[in-house]
N, C-alpha and C. Protein backbone atom coordinates (compact mmCIF):
# COMPACT_ATOMS: atom_id res chain seq x y z
N UNK A 1 14.85 16.07 -26.18
CA UNK A 1 14.86 14.64 -26.56
C UNK A 1 13.36 14.07 -25.42
N UNK A 2 12.75 13.60 -26.00
CA UNK A 2 11.26 12.79 -25.20
C UNK A 2 11.98 11.86 -24.95
N UNK A 3 11.77 11.35 -23.20
CA UNK A 3 12.01 10.20 -23.10
C UNK A 3 10.63 9.00 -23.60
N UNK A 4 11.05 8.24 -23.90
CA UNK A 4 10.22 7.17 -24.53
C UNK A 4 10.22 6.03 -23.87
N UNK A 5 8.98 5.38 -22.99
CA UNK A 5 8.95 4.29 -21.94
C UNK A 5 8.44 3.07 -23.29
N UNK A 6 8.90 1.85 -22.56
CA UNK A 6 8.59 0.64 -23.21
C UNK A 6 6.95 0.62 -22.21
N UNK A 7 5.95 -0.37 -22.60
CA UNK A 7 5.09 -0.99 -22.09
C UNK A 7 4.99 -0.99 -20.73
N UNK A 8 6.02 -2.13 -20.67
CA UNK A 8 6.25 -2.65 -19.43
C UNK A 8 6.82 -1.67 -18.27
N UNK A 9 7.65 -0.74 -18.62
CA UNK A 9 8.31 0.47 -18.10
C UNK A 9 6.94 1.59 -17.51
N UNK A 10 5.75 1.83 -18.49
CA UNK A 10 4.62 2.59 -18.24
C UNK A 10 4.11 1.37 -17.27
N UNK A 11 3.64 0.35 -17.50
CA UNK A 11 2.61 -0.22 -16.35
C UNK A 11 3.45 -0.10 -14.76
N UNK A 12 4.81 0.22 -15.05
CA UNK A 12 5.66 -0.12 -13.31
C UNK A 12 5.34 1.15 -13.27
N UNK A 13 5.30 2.06 -13.96
CA UNK A 13 5.26 4.16 -13.61
C UNK A 13 3.49 4.07 -13.02
N UNK A 14 3.25 3.38 -13.99
CA UNK A 14 1.39 3.74 -13.12
C UNK A 14 1.14 3.00 -12.08
N UNK A 15 1.83 2.54 -11.85
CA UNK A 15 1.43 1.38 -10.43
C UNK A 15 1.76 2.91 -9.45
N UNK A 16 2.86 3.02 -9.91
CA UNK A 16 3.41 4.06 -8.70
C UNK A 16 2.13 5.56 -8.31
N UNK A 17 2.42 5.40 -9.45
CA UNK A 17 0.77 6.64 -9.53
C UNK A 17 -0.03 6.62 -8.87
N UNK A 18 -0.70 5.24 -8.95
CA UNK A 18 -1.83 4.57 -8.30
C UNK A 18 -1.76 4.53 -6.43
N UNK A 19 -0.36 3.83 -6.69
CA UNK A 19 -0.54 3.64 -5.24
C UNK A 19 -0.20 4.76 -4.34
N UNK A 20 0.11 5.78 -4.67
CA UNK A 20 0.35 7.44 -4.32
C UNK A 20 -0.97 7.66 -4.12
N UNK A 21 -1.88 7.30 -4.51
CA UNK A 21 -2.92 7.39 -4.17
C UNK A 21 -3.78 7.06 -2.64
N UNK A 22 -3.23 5.91 -2.63
CA UNK A 22 -3.89 5.40 -1.12
C UNK A 22 -3.02 6.13 -0.06
N UNK A 23 -1.80 6.40 -0.34
CA UNK A 23 -0.99 6.82 0.29
C UNK A 23 -1.50 8.83 0.96
N UNK A 24 -1.75 9.27 0.44
CA UNK A 24 -2.68 10.74 0.51
C UNK A 24 -4.17 10.01 0.85
N UNK A 25 -4.73 8.86 0.87
CA UNK A 25 -5.91 8.82 1.58
C UNK A 25 -5.76 8.50 2.94
N UNK A 26 -4.80 7.66 3.12
CA UNK A 26 -4.82 7.14 4.55
C UNK A 26 -3.82 8.42 5.26
N UNK A 27 -3.07 9.10 4.55
CA UNK A 27 -2.82 10.69 5.51
C UNK A 27 -3.85 11.38 5.42
N UNK A 28 -5.18 11.92 4.25
CA UNK A 28 -5.94 12.76 4.82
C UNK A 28 -7.32 12.61 5.39
N UNK A 29 -7.86 11.57 4.35
CA UNK A 29 -9.36 11.49 4.22
C UNK A 29 -9.92 10.41 5.37
N UNK A 30 -8.51 9.32 5.59
CA UNK A 30 -9.37 7.97 6.66
C UNK A 30 -9.37 8.46 7.50
N UNK A 31 -8.33 9.34 8.48
CA UNK A 31 -8.70 9.89 9.70
C UNK A 31 -9.47 10.04 9.75
N UNK A 32 -10.20 11.24 9.05
CA UNK A 32 -11.07 12.30 9.45
C UNK A 32 -12.46 11.54 9.53
N UNK A 33 -12.13 9.98 8.30
CA UNK A 33 -13.92 8.90 8.16
C UNK A 33 -13.93 8.44 9.49
N UNK A 34 -12.86 7.68 9.58
CA UNK A 34 -12.57 7.03 11.23
C UNK A 34 -12.95 7.85 12.84
N UNK A 35 -12.92 9.23 12.16
CA UNK A 35 -13.18 10.22 13.65
C UNK A 35 -14.43 10.05 13.43
N UNK A 36 -15.41 10.28 12.71
CA UNK A 36 -16.37 10.29 12.39
C UNK A 36 -17.19 9.05 13.15
N UNK A 37 -16.55 8.06 12.75
CA UNK A 37 -17.07 6.49 12.85
C UNK A 37 -16.70 6.48 14.57
N UNK A 38 -15.50 7.02 14.64
CA UNK A 38 -15.56 6.64 16.64
C UNK A 38 -16.37 7.62 17.10
N UNK A 39 -16.66 8.61 16.62
CA UNK A 39 -17.63 9.67 17.76
C UNK A 39 -19.14 9.68 17.47
N UNK A 40 -19.58 9.04 16.62
CA UNK A 40 -20.64 8.00 16.86
C UNK A 40 -20.76 7.04 17.90
N UNK A 41 -19.70 6.18 17.70
CA UNK A 41 -19.68 5.02 18.52
C UNK A 41 -19.57 5.74 20.16
N UNK A 42 -19.12 7.03 20.49
CA UNK A 42 -18.91 7.65 21.82
C UNK A 42 -17.38 7.50 22.17
N UNK A 43 -16.68 7.29 21.14
CA UNK A 43 -15.31 7.01 21.62
C UNK A 43 -14.88 8.66 21.56
N UNK A 44 -13.73 8.62 22.89
CA UNK A 44 -13.21 10.02 23.03
C UNK A 44 -12.34 10.72 22.41
N UNK A 45 -12.26 11.22 21.76
CA UNK A 45 -11.01 12.01 20.66
C UNK A 45 -9.52 11.60 21.42
N UNK A 46 -9.37 11.95 22.31
CA UNK A 46 -8.21 10.81 22.84
C UNK A 46 -8.00 9.37 22.73
N UNK A 47 -8.89 8.72 22.53
CA UNK A 47 -9.23 7.24 22.88
C UNK A 47 -9.11 7.19 20.95
N UNK A 48 -9.77 7.80 20.54
CA UNK A 48 -9.76 7.59 18.91
C UNK A 48 -8.30 7.65 18.03
N UNK A 49 -7.86 8.79 18.62
CA UNK A 49 -6.23 9.11 18.47
C UNK A 49 -5.62 8.08 18.81
N UNK A 50 -5.46 7.35 19.91
CA UNK A 50 -4.93 6.34 20.49
C UNK A 50 -5.07 4.90 19.83
N UNK A 51 -6.47 5.16 19.29
CA UNK A 51 -6.86 3.42 18.24
C UNK A 51 -5.97 3.56 17.17
N UNK A 52 -5.89 4.89 16.55
CA UNK A 52 -5.65 4.82 15.21
C UNK A 52 -4.19 4.84 15.08
N UNK A 53 -3.27 5.15 16.10
CA UNK A 53 -2.14 5.07 16.08
C UNK A 53 -1.38 3.56 16.26
N UNK A 54 -2.19 3.27 17.44
CA UNK A 54 -1.83 1.83 17.39
C UNK A 54 -2.28 1.03 16.27
N UNK A 55 -3.15 0.94 15.49
CA UNK A 55 -3.55 0.34 14.71
C UNK A 55 -2.41 0.39 13.25
N UNK A 56 -1.86 1.98 13.06
CA UNK A 56 -0.97 2.15 12.24
C UNK A 56 0.69 2.00 12.66
N UNK A 57 0.62 1.70 13.87
CA UNK A 57 1.60 1.14 14.24
C UNK A 57 2.23 -0.49 13.90
N UNK A 58 1.23 -1.34 14.51
CA UNK A 58 1.00 -2.43 14.30
C UNK A 58 0.59 -3.16 13.37
N UNK A 59 0.29 -2.65 12.36
CA UNK A 59 0.41 -2.57 10.66
C UNK A 59 1.96 -2.88 10.34
N UNK A 60 2.23 -1.59 10.58
CA UNK A 60 4.16 -1.31 10.57
C UNK A 60 4.90 -2.14 10.80
N UNK A 61 4.78 -2.86 11.84
CA UNK A 61 5.49 -3.78 12.71
C UNK A 61 5.03 -5.12 12.01
N UNK A 62 3.98 -5.55 11.26
CA UNK A 62 3.49 -6.76 10.39
C UNK A 62 4.46 -6.42 9.47
N UNK A 63 4.37 -5.25 8.74
CA UNK A 63 5.00 -5.57 7.48
C UNK A 63 6.94 -5.68 7.72
N UNK A 64 7.18 -4.43 9.23
CA UNK A 64 8.73 -4.73 9.13
C UNK A 64 8.93 -6.23 9.31
N UNK A 65 8.21 -7.44 9.72
CA UNK A 65 8.74 -8.82 9.91
C UNK A 65 7.92 -9.38 8.55
N UNK A 66 6.96 -9.16 7.90
CA UNK A 66 6.75 -10.40 7.00
C UNK A 66 7.40 -9.79 5.80
N UNK A 67 7.94 -8.29 5.67
CA UNK A 67 8.50 -7.86 3.93
C UNK A 67 9.70 -8.48 3.84
N UNK A 68 11.01 -8.61 4.82
CA UNK A 68 11.81 -9.26 4.35
C UNK A 68 11.57 -10.74 3.84
N UNK A 69 10.82 -11.29 4.91
CA UNK A 69 10.33 -13.00 3.97
C UNK A 69 10.11 -12.91 2.91
N UNK A 70 8.71 -12.15 2.40
CA UNK A 70 8.50 -12.08 1.28
C UNK A 70 9.18 -11.41 0.55
N UNK A 71 9.79 -10.08 0.59
CA UNK A 71 11.20 -10.36 -0.63
C UNK A 71 12.01 -11.41 -0.96
N UNK A 72 12.27 -12.37 0.02
CA UNK A 72 12.93 -13.01 0.05
C UNK A 72 12.30 -14.37 -1.00
N UNK A 73 10.71 -14.60 -0.98
CA UNK A 73 10.25 -15.25 -1.30
C UNK A 73 9.85 -15.05 -2.38
N UNK A 74 10.10 -13.73 -2.83
CA UNK A 74 9.59 -13.33 -4.10
C UNK A 74 10.87 -13.75 -4.91
N UNK A 75 11.64 -13.79 -4.76
CA UNK A 75 13.18 -14.32 -5.57
C UNK A 75 13.13 -15.52 -6.03
N UNK A 76 12.27 -16.10 -5.49
CA UNK A 76 12.18 -17.75 -6.49
C UNK A 76 11.32 -17.50 -7.28
N UNK A 77 11.54 -18.23 -8.62
CA UNK A 77 11.03 -18.02 -10.10
C UNK A 77 9.71 -18.59 -9.74
N UNK A 78 8.97 -17.34 -10.42
CA UNK A 78 7.23 -17.46 -10.90
C UNK A 78 6.67 -17.00 -9.62
N UNK A 79 7.36 -16.91 -8.66
CA UNK A 79 6.58 -16.35 -7.22
C UNK A 79 6.04 -14.88 -7.16
N UNK A 80 7.18 -13.81 -7.57
CA UNK A 80 7.15 -12.57 -8.05
C UNK A 80 5.42 -12.04 -8.01
N UNK A 81 5.11 -12.43 -9.09
CA UNK A 81 3.90 -11.79 -9.21
C UNK A 81 2.88 -12.44 -8.67
N UNK A 82 2.90 -13.36 -8.36
CA UNK A 82 1.91 -14.22 -7.35
C UNK A 82 1.84 -13.37 -6.20
N UNK A 83 2.77 -13.22 -5.33
CA UNK A 83 3.07 -12.28 -3.96
C UNK A 83 2.73 -10.81 -4.03
N UNK A 84 2.61 -10.16 -6.01
CA UNK A 84 2.64 -8.90 -5.66
C UNK A 84 1.22 -8.68 -5.88
N UNK A 85 0.32 -9.64 -6.99
CA UNK A 85 -1.03 -9.59 -7.32
C UNK A 85 -2.11 -9.99 -6.22
N UNK A 86 -1.48 -10.66 -5.57
CA UNK A 86 -2.03 -11.20 -3.99
C UNK A 86 -2.18 -10.18 -2.85
N UNK A 87 -0.97 -9.34 -2.71
CA UNK A 87 -0.99 -8.38 -1.92
C UNK A 87 -1.54 -7.19 -2.57
N UNK A 88 -1.78 -6.79 -4.11
CA UNK A 88 -2.41 -5.61 -4.33
C UNK A 88 -3.87 -6.05 -4.32
N UNK A 89 -4.06 -7.18 -4.50
CA UNK A 89 -5.87 -7.06 -4.51
C UNK A 89 -6.55 -7.26 -3.48
N UNK A 90 -5.66 -7.68 -2.36
CA UNK A 90 -6.18 -7.86 -0.83
C UNK A 90 -5.97 -5.86 -0.48
N UNK A 91 -4.87 -5.53 -1.00
CA UNK A 91 -5.55 -3.95 -0.37
C UNK A 91 -6.39 -3.29 -1.39
N UNK A 92 -6.02 -3.43 -2.54
CA UNK A 92 -7.42 -2.48 -3.35
C UNK A 92 -8.61 -3.08 -2.90
N UNK A 93 -8.89 -4.20 -2.34
CA UNK A 93 -10.45 -4.51 -2.23
C UNK A 93 -10.84 -3.88 -1.08
N UNK A 94 -9.43 -4.20 0.38
CA UNK A 94 -9.80 -3.53 1.39
C UNK A 94 -10.02 -1.92 0.86
N UNK A 95 -9.25 -1.45 0.39
CA UNK A 95 -9.47 -0.04 0.06
C UNK A 95 -10.81 0.53 -0.02
N UNK A 96 -11.35 -0.16 -1.26
CA UNK A 96 -12.59 0.18 -1.46
C UNK A 96 -13.96 -0.25 -0.41
N UNK A 97 -13.41 -1.75 0.04
CA UNK A 97 -14.37 -1.98 1.47
C UNK A 97 -14.38 -1.14 2.58
N UNK A 98 -13.47 -0.33 2.54
CA UNK A 98 -13.11 0.85 3.62
C UNK A 98 -14.51 1.65 3.91
N UNK A 99 -14.98 2.04 2.41
CA UNK A 99 -15.51 3.17 2.33
C UNK A 99 -17.14 2.87 2.50
N UNK A 100 -17.69 1.13 3.03
CA UNK A 100 -18.63 0.22 3.47
C UNK A 100 -18.86 0.38 4.66
N UNK A 101 -17.74 0.45 5.26
CA UNK A 101 -17.86 -0.11 6.39
C UNK A 101 -18.81 1.01 7.96
N UNK A 102 -19.63 0.67 8.60
CA UNK A 102 -19.82 1.54 9.67
C UNK A 102 -19.47 1.58 10.92
N UNK A 103 -18.85 0.46 11.04
CA UNK A 103 -18.49 0.07 12.73
C UNK A 103 -16.82 0.73 12.51
N UNK A 104 -16.56 1.27 14.07
CA UNK A 104 -15.20 1.79 13.88
C UNK A 104 -14.13 0.72 14.20
N UNK A 105 -14.77 -0.11 14.68
CA UNK A 105 -13.64 -1.43 15.47
C UNK A 105 -13.05 -2.32 14.06
N UNK A 106 -14.36 -2.85 13.21
CA UNK A 106 -14.22 -3.34 11.83
C UNK A 106 -13.20 -2.27 10.53
N UNK A 107 -13.86 -0.86 10.99
CA UNK A 107 -12.77 -0.11 9.97
C UNK A 107 -11.23 -0.30 10.69
N UNK A 108 -11.46 -0.27 11.43
CA UNK A 108 -9.67 -0.40 12.07
C UNK A 108 -8.93 -1.53 11.48
N UNK A 109 -9.26 -2.67 11.84
CA UNK A 109 -9.17 -3.98 11.10
C UNK A 109 -8.89 -3.89 9.95
N UNK A 110 -9.93 -3.68 8.88
CA UNK A 110 -9.90 -4.04 7.80
C UNK A 110 -8.59 -2.99 7.11
N UNK A 111 -8.72 -1.99 7.71
CA UNK A 111 -7.63 -0.75 7.56
C UNK A 111 -5.99 -1.18 7.64
N UNK A 112 -5.91 -1.71 8.87
CA UNK A 112 -4.51 -2.64 9.22
C UNK A 112 -4.32 -3.53 8.19
N UNK A 113 -5.74 -4.31 7.71
CA UNK A 113 -5.11 -5.36 6.67
C UNK A 113 -4.81 -4.76 4.91
N UNK A 114 -5.42 -3.64 4.39
CA UNK A 114 -5.45 -2.69 3.51
C UNK A 114 -3.99 -2.42 3.45
N UNK A 115 -3.82 -1.90 4.77
CA UNK A 115 -2.63 -1.38 4.84
C UNK A 115 -1.28 -2.35 4.55
N UNK A 116 -1.88 -3.18 5.39
CA UNK A 116 -0.44 -4.31 5.67
C UNK A 116 -0.11 -5.01 3.65
N UNK A 117 -1.24 -5.07 3.09
CA UNK A 117 -1.38 -5.72 2.03
C UNK A 117 -0.34 -4.80 1.11
N UNK A 118 -0.92 -3.29 1.08
CA UNK A 118 -0.32 -2.40 0.22
C UNK A 118 1.28 -2.35 0.28
N UNK A 119 1.30 -2.37 1.69
CA UNK A 119 2.70 -2.19 2.00
C UNK A 119 3.76 -3.40 1.60
N UNK A 120 3.35 -4.71 1.70
CA UNK A 120 3.93 -5.35 0.93
C UNK A 120 3.86 -5.78 -0.46
N UNK A 121 2.88 -4.85 -0.97
CA UNK A 121 3.28 -4.74 -2.41
C UNK A 121 4.06 -4.06 -3.11
N UNK A 122 3.87 -2.98 -2.04
CA UNK A 122 5.39 -2.11 -2.45
C UNK A 122 6.91 -2.50 -2.57
N UNK A 123 7.27 -3.87 -1.46
CA UNK A 123 8.12 -4.59 -1.25
C UNK A 123 8.61 -5.05 -2.42
N UNK A 124 7.85 -5.71 -3.17
CA UNK A 124 8.01 -6.67 -4.50
C UNK A 124 8.05 -5.77 -5.78
N UNK A 125 7.00 -4.73 -5.45
CA UNK A 125 6.51 -3.63 -6.55
C UNK A 125 7.90 -2.52 -6.64
N UNK A 126 9.13 -2.70 -5.96
CA UNK A 126 10.10 -1.89 -5.89
C UNK A 126 11.29 -2.75 -6.36
N UNK A 127 10.99 -4.03 -6.19
CA UNK A 127 12.35 -5.08 -6.81
C UNK A 127 11.94 -5.52 -8.54
N UNK A 128 10.55 -5.16 -8.82
CA UNK A 128 10.16 -5.06 -9.83
C UNK A 128 10.85 -4.43 -11.23
N UNK A 129 11.53 -3.28 -10.70
CA UNK A 129 12.16 -2.19 -11.43
C UNK A 129 13.45 -3.05 -12.46
N UNK A 130 14.09 -3.93 -11.54
CA UNK A 130 15.14 -4.39 -12.55
C UNK A 130 14.64 -5.51 -13.46
N UNK A 131 13.42 -6.08 -13.57
CA UNK A 131 12.46 -6.81 -14.27
C UNK A 131 12.23 -5.97 -15.36
N UNK A 132 11.50 -4.70 -15.60
CA UNK A 132 11.24 -3.94 -16.28
C UNK A 132 11.73 -2.83 -17.17
N UNK A 133 13.32 -2.89 -16.56
CA UNK A 133 14.16 -2.11 -17.24
C UNK A 133 15.23 -2.48 -17.29
N UNK A 134 16.54 -1.63 -17.91
CA UNK A 134 17.79 -1.94 -17.99
C UNK A 134 18.03 -0.91 -17.30
N UNK A 135 19.50 -1.32 -16.95
CA UNK A 135 20.60 -0.83 -15.65
C UNK A 135 20.99 0.72 -15.90
N UNK A 136 20.78 1.22 -17.56
CA UNK A 136 21.02 2.42 -17.87
C UNK A 136 19.90 3.24 -17.68
N UNK A 137 18.56 2.57 -17.80
CA UNK A 137 17.55 3.59 -17.95
C UNK A 137 16.80 3.82 -16.57
N UNK A 138 17.12 2.97 -15.54
CA UNK A 138 16.50 2.32 -14.38
C UNK A 138 16.35 3.81 -13.55
N UNK A 139 17.36 4.85 -13.38
CA UNK A 139 17.51 6.26 -12.81
C UNK A 139 15.99 6.82 -13.31
N UNK A 140 15.66 6.83 -14.67
CA UNK A 140 14.88 7.21 -15.11
C UNK A 140 13.67 7.24 -14.87
N UNK A 141 13.01 5.84 -15.10
CA UNK A 141 12.08 5.26 -14.63
C UNK A 141 11.66 5.38 -13.30
N UNK A 142 12.56 5.33 -12.37
CA UNK A 142 12.57 5.72 -10.98
C UNK A 142 11.80 6.99 -11.03
N UNK A 143 12.50 7.82 -11.60
CA UNK A 143 12.16 9.55 -11.46
C UNK A 143 10.36 9.89 -11.95
N UNK A 144 10.35 8.73 -13.22
CA UNK A 144 9.18 9.06 -13.87
C UNK A 144 8.21 8.54 -12.81
N UNK A 145 8.21 7.42 -12.58
CA UNK A 145 7.34 6.70 -11.18
C UNK A 145 7.07 7.74 -10.09
N UNK A 146 8.28 7.92 -9.53
CA UNK A 146 8.29 9.49 -8.53
C UNK A 146 7.59 10.53 -8.64
N UNK A 147 7.64 10.62 -9.71
CA UNK A 147 7.27 12.52 -10.53
C UNK A 147 5.53 11.65 -10.63
């Protein structure tokens, strides 16, 4: 039996597919590109790895602090979509802009902003599952997004 999704469920699943691309980009290509920028600026391999690790850690700490606050704020009627759209747009524009940055320092700053916005969009996105489907279909829709 084929599982048929509603338009809202399809959109939720497609965002999950799309945001997986950012995760793959951060894990594979961006560290290599940053290495090239840092090497061109004369930064040693040890220092470039440290800067990358510091930036990723700082972004994660900021999300750990802001995530619960924005998650709670998104429970206010009419605010969830605004927070989601703002963080998603900041993350997407930041990700696109990363390809045009030639300075290693500005690259790290923009990367941190894009990563923070991306991860904050996931806080709200995950909470939207209850808005787009019923309790009975939730497991299947979530699995479709993951797959």
